Protein backbone atom coordinates (compact mmCIF):
# COMPACT_ATOMS: atom_id res chain seq x y z
CA LEU A 1 -16.63 -7.52 11.54
CA LEU A 2 -19.99 -6.65 9.63
CA GLU A 3 -19.83 -3.04 11.00
CA ILE A 4 -16.16 -2.41 9.52
CA ALA A 5 -17.10 -3.69 6.27
CA SER A 6 -20.27 -1.75 6.37
CA HIS A 7 -17.86 1.30 6.05
CA GLY A 8 -16.51 0.10 2.13
CA TYR A 9 -14.03 -2.20 3.89
CA LEU A 10 -13.30 -5.87 2.47
CA VAL A 11 -13.32 -7.98 5.22
CA ILE A 12 -11.67 -11.63 5.61
CA ALA A 13 -12.27 -13.86 8.61
CA ASN A 14 -10.01 -16.71 8.53
CA GLY A 15 -11.11 -20.02 9.56
CA ARG A 16 -14.39 -22.34 9.14
CA ILE A 17 -17.71 -20.72 9.38
CA LEU A 18 -18.80 -21.70 12.67
CA SER A 19 -22.04 -19.38 13.35
CA GLY A 20 -25.06 -18.60 11.46
CA PRO A 21 -26.62 -20.18 8.08
CA GLY A 22 -24.61 -23.38 7.05
CA ALA A 23 -22.75 -23.67 10.07
CA PRO A 24 -22.17 -26.86 11.39
CA PRO A 25 -24.16 -28.06 14.67
CA ALA A 26 -22.13 -26.42 17.85
CA GLN A 27 -20.04 -28.24 19.85
CA PRO A 28 -19.74 -28.32 23.31
CA ARG A 29 -16.78 -26.31 24.85
CA PRO A 30 -14.79 -28.86 26.99
CA ALA A 31 -15.39 -28.48 30.91
CA ALA A 32 -12.06 -28.18 31.81
CA PRO A 33 -8.72 -27.61 30.26
CA PRO A 34 -6.97 -30.13 28.50
CA PRO A 35 -4.04 -32.22 30.47
CA GLU A 36 -0.53 -30.12 30.09
CA ASN A 37 0.80 -32.88 28.49
CA GLN A 38 -1.54 -32.75 26.06
CA PRO A 39 -0.65 -30.44 23.04
CA LEU A 40 -3.25 -27.30 21.98
CA VAL A 41 -4.36 -27.63 18.55
CA ALA A 42 -5.42 -23.80 17.13
CA ARG A 43 -8.49 -23.76 14.85
CA THR A 44 -6.47 -21.32 12.74
CA VAL A 45 -2.79 -20.25 11.95
CA ALA A 46 -1.10 -16.82 10.94
CA ALA A 47 -0.72 -17.82 7.35
CA ASP A 48 -4.32 -18.12 6.90
CA LEU A 49 -3.82 -14.10 7.18
CA THR A 50 -1.52 -13.89 4.72
CA GLN A 51 -3.16 -16.11 2.26
CA ALA A 52 -6.05 -14.27 3.13
CA LEU A 53 -4.71 -10.96 1.29
CA ASP A 54 -2.72 -12.95 -1.64
CA TRP A 55 -6.44 -14.07 -2.44
CA ALA A 56 -8.09 -10.60 -2.20
CA LEU A 57 -5.22 -8.79 -4.08
CA ALA A 58 -5.19 -11.32 -6.89
CA GLU A 59 -9.03 -11.05 -7.05
CA ASN A 60 -8.74 -7.59 -7.54
CA ARG A 61 -6.55 -8.30 -10.83
CA ARG A 62 -8.73 -11.27 -12.25
CA SER A 63 -10.90 -9.91 -14.85
CA GLY A 64 -14.83 -11.19 -13.99
CA SER A 65 -14.04 -11.37 -10.45
CA ALA A 66 -16.71 -9.49 -8.36
CA TYR A 67 -13.87 -7.47 -6.61
CA PHE A 68 -11.67 -6.57 -10.22
CA GLY A 69 -10.38 -3.03 -9.66
CA ARG A 70 -12.38 -2.91 -6.40
CA ILE A 71 -10.10 -2.97 -3.81
CA ASP A 72 -7.18 -0.49 -3.22
CA PRO A 73 -3.76 -2.73 -2.56
CA ALA A 74 -2.71 0.79 -0.66
CA GLN A 75 -5.60 0.46 2.06
CA VAL A 76 -4.35 -2.99 3.70
CA ALA A 77 -4.95 -3.61 7.50
CA VAL A 78 -4.35 -6.65 9.83
CA SER A 79 -6.64 -6.98 13.11
CA GLY A 80 -7.22 -9.60 15.65
CA TRP A 81 -8.61 -10.49 19.01
CA SER A 82 -6.97 -12.36 21.93
CA CYS A 83 -4.86 -15.36 20.41
CA GLY A 84 -5.93 -13.62 17.19
CA GLY A 85 -4.38 -10.66 17.77
CA LEU A 86 -0.95 -12.46 17.92
CA GLN A 87 -1.81 -14.02 14.71
CA ALA A 88 -2.02 -10.56 13.32
CA LEU A 89 0.99 -8.94 15.10
CA THR A 90 2.88 -12.04 13.06
CA VAL A 91 2.02 -11.05 9.61
CA ALA A 92 2.08 -7.28 10.45
CA LYS A 93 5.81 -7.20 9.01
CA ASP A 94 4.14 -7.58 5.61
CA PRO A 95 4.96 -4.67 3.35
CA ARG A 96 1.69 -4.64 2.13
CA VAL A 97 0.32 -4.24 5.58
CA ARG A 98 -0.66 -0.47 6.24
CA ALA A 99 -2.12 -0.08 9.56
CA ALA A 100 -2.81 -2.60 12.32
CA VAL A 101 -5.33 -3.08 15.17
CA LEU A 102 -4.88 -5.39 17.84
CA GLN A 103 -7.73 -6.19 20.17
CA ASN A 104 -7.72 -7.60 23.83
CA THR A 105 -4.15 -8.88 23.07
CA GLY A 106 -0.63 -9.08 23.78
CA VAL A 107 2.78 -10.63 23.58
CA PHE A 108 3.21 -12.56 26.63
CA ILE A 109 5.37 -11.26 29.13
CA GLU A 110 5.93 -15.08 30.51
CA LEU A 111 4.34 -17.75 28.25
CA PRO A 112 2.34 -20.28 30.13
CA LYS A 113 2.72 -24.00 30.57
CA GLN A 114 0.57 -24.72 27.65
CA ILE A 115 0.01 -22.31 24.02
CA PHE A 116 -0.97 -22.77 20.92
CA PRO A 117 1.32 -23.33 18.19
CA GLY A 118 2.56 -19.90 16.65
CA MET A 119 1.62 -17.50 19.86
CA GLU A 120 5.11 -17.93 20.93
CA LEU A 121 6.14 -14.87 20.14
CA ARG A 122 8.48 -12.73 22.28
CA LYS A 123 8.53 -8.83 22.61
CA ASP A 124 11.28 -8.58 20.15
CA ALA A 125 8.50 -9.29 17.41
CA LEU A 126 6.97 -6.02 17.93
CA LEU A 127 10.02 -4.36 16.58
CA SER A 128 9.00 -6.08 13.22
CA LEU A 129 5.79 -3.29 13.03
CA HIS A 130 6.41 -1.10 10.23
CA THR A 131 2.52 1.05 10.36
CA PRO A 132 1.16 2.65 12.92
CA VAL A 133 -0.65 0.29 15.60
CA LEU A 134 -3.71 0.49 17.81
CA TYR A 135 -4.40 -1.63 20.92
CA ILE A 136 -7.98 -1.73 22.19
CA LEU A 137 -8.08 -3.29 25.58
CA GLY A 138 -10.31 -3.77 28.18
CA GLY A 139 -9.26 -2.55 31.39
CA PRO A 140 -7.17 -4.03 34.04
CA THR A 141 -9.92 -6.75 34.34
CA ASP A 142 -9.00 -7.89 30.49
CA ILE A 143 -6.88 -11.09 31.17
CA ALA A 144 -4.35 -9.70 27.99
CA TYR A 145 -4.12 -6.42 29.61
CA ALA A 146 -0.72 -6.40 31.40
CA ASN A 147 0.45 -8.19 28.32
CA GLY A 148 -0.83 -5.21 26.02
CA MET A 149 0.24 -2.28 28.05
CA ASP A 150 3.75 -3.93 28.04
CA ASP A 151 3.59 -4.05 23.99
CA PHE A 152 2.52 -0.53 23.97
CA ALA A 153 5.49 0.35 26.41
CA HIS A 154 8.29 -1.44 24.34
CA ILE A 155 6.77 0.29 20.84
CA LYS A 156 8.97 3.58 20.55
CA HIS A 157 9.64 2.92 16.45
CA VAL A 158 6.49 3.22 14.95
CA PRO A 159 3.31 5.72 15.76
CA ALA A 160 1.18 3.69 18.69
CA ALA A 161 -2.04 4.12 20.60
CA VAL A 162 -3.57 1.76 23.32
CA ALA A 163 -7.14 2.76 24.07
CA ASN A 164 -8.55 1.01 27.27
CA LEU A 165 -12.59 0.54 27.99
CA PRO A 166 -13.09 -1.23 31.06
CA VAL A 167 -15.21 -3.90 30.20
CA GLY A 168 -12.83 -7.12 30.07
CA HIS A 169 -11.68 -9.06 27.70
CA GLY A 170 -14.73 -9.64 25.53
CA GLY A 171 -14.53 -6.22 24.68
CA THR A 172 -17.97 -4.69 23.34
CA TYR A 173 -18.13 -6.80 20.55
CA GLN A 174 -21.54 -8.92 21.08
CA GLU A 175 -22.93 -5.72 21.30
CA PRO A 176 -24.91 -4.11 17.83
CA ASN A 177 -22.52 -3.21 15.63
CA GLY A 178 -19.79 -4.43 17.81
CA GLY A 179 -20.26 -1.46 20.37
CA ALA A 180 -18.22 1.44 20.93
CA ALA A 181 -14.56 -0.71 20.74
CA ALA A 182 -15.59 -1.66 16.71
CA SER A 183 -16.69 2.51 16.29
CA VAL A 184 -12.77 2.90 17.16
CA ALA A 185 -11.32 0.53 15.32
CA VAL A 186 -13.11 2.03 12.32
CA SER A 187 -11.94 5.32 13.03
CA TRP A 188 -8.08 4.28 13.04
CA LEU A 189 -8.83 2.51 9.97
CA ASP A 190 -10.21 5.48 8.43
CA TRP A 191 -7.63 7.97 9.68
CA GLN A 192 -4.63 5.17 9.10
CA LEU A 193 -6.01 4.06 5.40
CA ARG A 194 -7.76 6.83 4.02
CA GLY A 195 -6.62 10.15 5.85
CA ASP A 196 -9.86 11.25 7.33
CA ALA A 197 -8.98 13.75 9.73
CA ASN A 198 -11.83 13.66 11.47
CA ALA A 199 -11.54 10.23 12.41
CA ALA A 200 -7.77 11.39 13.41
CA ARG A 201 -9.38 13.34 15.78
CA ARG A 202 -10.53 10.67 18.28
CA PHE A 203 -6.72 10.07 18.59
CA VAL A 204 -4.31 13.34 18.56
CA GLY A 205 -4.63 16.19 19.95
CA ALA A 206 -4.56 17.75 23.63
CA ASP A 207 -8.83 17.65 23.25
CA CYS A 208 -9.32 14.20 21.01
CA GLY A 209 -12.35 12.59 21.20
CA LEU A 210 -11.39 9.98 23.30
CA CYS A 211 -9.59 12.21 25.73
CA ARG A 212 -12.30 13.67 26.31
CA ASP A 213 -14.58 10.44 26.85
CA ALA A 214 -14.88 9.58 30.43
CA LYS A 215 -15.31 5.68 29.33
CA TRP A 216 -12.19 5.70 27.47
CA THR A 217 -8.87 5.98 28.55
CA LEU A 218 -6.40 6.34 25.87
CA GLN A 219 -2.39 6.45 25.65
CA ARG A 220 -0.11 7.67 22.71
CA ASN A 221 3.62 7.73 21.92
CA ASP A 222 5.48 10.64 20.72
CA LYS A 223 5.40 9.64 17.12
CA LEU A 224 1.45 9.46 16.77
CA GLU A 225 1.50 12.83 17.71
CA ALA A 226 3.73 13.78 14.96
CA LEU A 227 1.91 11.75 12.70
CA ALA A 228 -0.88 14.25 13.24
CA ARG A 229 1.47 17.01 12.46
């Protein structure tokens, strides 16, 4: 997120501060999953993303705000990793949203026995997408790989791409500056929100940047190629 922000985007992460200065003591992770009869509780909900967008655009209009006049309402994207990707997909239908980046995620092909509230999306949720969407997945060892690839296969009505880097579910986000996956996310935002032609060349054309990078596997639907023409 810091890498994306360093390119001039206002980035809002929903939820509480759990690391860094001022964070509360870290809570130990449970040694085992909770019993099946115990409901799961998510720390955030999809509505948090909408509230963040409402706040940012209100601050853009509020005289005296540090963000007054500094936010372009036409450059709004939603993004999320893993379960957060499903939250981002839930709010991607917001007409203010112009792009989506979904990382290491996908709508469940089959719902698990235990699931966080708000994650019960079905594949028809993909029909609510109205913007170009990029999936960044971690290859076949990514627990979300099958779900994400199935999402991509279902998306026919909007431009879509899926970029796979075989590093597993965690992606490269713990590496300096978010690693290679963060760089791809920035390029997608720069193309979709700012019309950056150089950024577009990472995704489209027979000789695209990710096409030539042996570490990545890129798949695109027909609408994405048409978007670049």
